[in-house]
Amino acid sequence: MKQRAYLCAEQVGVAFPTKKGPFVALQNVSVNIHEGEYISIIGHSGCGKSTLLNVVAGLQKASVGVVFLNGEPIAAPAPIVRWCSRIIRCCRG
């Protein structure tokens, strides 16, 4: 049996409701990142980079698909992510 990557996103999609209907920010995104591996996420403004990172951090729920960290689905932010998120919001004013 093949071992799953340390961070594994499977067919992740995120859609935000708008007055004109859903805005699809991510569609069918899959990625496998193994422990110790470095990656970079690049793309033009508005392509979904931050949305993907928010899903991986547990700050945003995927509309479809799932993200696993060390074999466990990410359902909520880890305590350190929640703490850092509060500090960032505080500093932005």
Protein backbone atom coordinates (compact mmCIF):
# COMPACT_ATOMS: atom_id res chain seq x y z
CA MET A 1 0.00 0.00 0.00
CA LYS A 2 1.34 3.43 -0.97
CA GLN A 3 1.93 5.82 1.92
CA ARG A 4 0.14 9.18 1.67
CA ALA A 5 2.27 12.34 1.52
CA TYR A 6 2.72 14.40 4.70
CA LEU A 7 0.45 17.10 3.27
CA CYS A 8 -2.05 15.87 0.73
CA ALA A 9 -4.79 17.90 -0.96
CA GLU A 10 -7.25 15.84 -2.99
CA GLN A 11 -9.56 17.49 -5.54
CA VAL A 12 -9.96 20.63 -3.42
CA GLY A 13 -12.41 23.26 -4.54
CA VAL A 14 -13.64 26.45 -2.91
CA ALA A 15 -16.59 28.54 -4.04
CA PHE A 16 -17.75 31.75 -2.39
CA PRO A 17 -21.39 32.85 -2.63
CA THR A 18 -22.04 36.17 -4.36
CA LYS A 19 -25.19 38.00 -5.45
CA LYS A 20 -24.55 36.82 -9.03
CA GLY A 21 -23.96 33.21 -7.99
CA PRO A 22 -20.95 31.28 -6.72
CA PHE A 23 -17.45 32.57 -7.39
CA VAL A 24 -15.13 29.57 -7.87
CA ALA A 25 -11.78 30.42 -6.28
CA LEU A 26 -10.29 26.88 -6.52
CA GLN A 27 -11.29 23.94 -8.63
CA ASN A 28 -9.87 20.38 -8.65
CA VAL A 29 -6.60 21.24 -6.87
CA SER A 30 -4.52 18.24 -5.86
CA VAL A 31 -1.02 18.31 -4.38
CA ASN A 32 1.21 15.92 -2.45
CA ILE A 33 4.02 17.33 -0.33
CA HIS A 34 6.34 14.96 1.46
CA GLU A 35 7.95 15.70 4.81
CA GLY A 36 11.05 17.87 4.42
CA GLU A 37 10.07 18.95 0.91
CA TYR A 38 10.08 22.66 0.01
CA ILE A 39 7.58 24.05 -2.44
CA SER A 40 6.49 27.41 -3.75
CA ILE A 41 3.03 28.49 -4.84
CA ILE A 42 3.13 31.07 -7.59
CA GLY A 43 0.50 32.66 -9.79
CA HIS A 44 -1.12 35.91 -10.77
CA SER A 45 -3.24 37.99 -8.44
CA GLY A 46 -6.59 36.38 -7.74
CA CYS A 47 -5.69 32.86 -8.87
CA GLY A 48 -6.37 31.22 -5.47
CA LYS A 49 -2.94 31.04 -3.79
CA SER A 50 -4.14 32.55 -0.50
CA THR A 51 -7.36 30.56 -0.62
CA LEU A 52 -5.38 27.32 -0.93
CA LEU A 53 -3.11 28.33 1.97
CA ASN A 54 -6.16 29.21 4.09
CA VAL A 55 -7.64 25.76 3.42
CA VAL A 56 -4.33 24.07 4.29
CA ALA A 57 -4.12 26.13 7.50
CA GLY A 58 -7.68 25.15 8.44
CA LEU A 59 -8.88 28.76 8.29
CA GLN A 60 -11.18 28.14 5.31
CA LYS A 61 -13.23 25.02 4.63
CA ALA A 62 -13.05 23.51 1.18
CA SER A 63 -16.37 23.36 -0.64
CA VAL A 64 -15.31 20.02 -2.11
CA GLY A 65 -12.32 17.73 -1.61
CA VAL A 66 -10.18 17.19 1.44
CA VAL A 67 -6.75 18.10 2.81
CA PHE A 68 -4.79 15.68 4.99
CA LEU A 69 -1.87 16.48 7.27
CA ASN A 70 0.07 13.42 8.36
CA GLY A 71 -2.87 11.22 7.36
CA GLU A 72 -5.50 13.17 9.33
CA PRO A 73 -8.06 15.45 7.65
CA ILE A 74 -7.61 19.13 8.46
CA ALA A 75 -10.89 20.18 10.06
CA ALA A 76 -9.87 23.31 11.99
CA PRO A 77 -6.83 25.48 12.60
CA ALA A 78 -4.18 24.17 14.95
CA PRO A 79 -3.93 26.23 18.17
CA ILE A 80 -0.79 28.05 16.97
CA VAL A 81 -2.51 29.01 13.69
CA ARG A 82 -5.52 30.42 15.58
CA TRP A 83 -3.18 32.40 17.85
CA CYS A 84 -1.12 33.80 14.94
CA SER A 85 -4.27 34.66 13.01
CA ARG A 86 -5.59 36.74 15.93
CA ILE A 87 -2.29 38.62 16.20
CA ILE A 88 -2.23 39.39 12.47
CA ARG A 89 -5.82 40.70 12.55
CA CYS A 90 -4.95 42.83 15.59
CA CYS A 91 -1.88 44.35 13.94
CA ARG A 92 -3.73 45.18 10.70
CA GLY A 93 -6.17 47.32 12.65
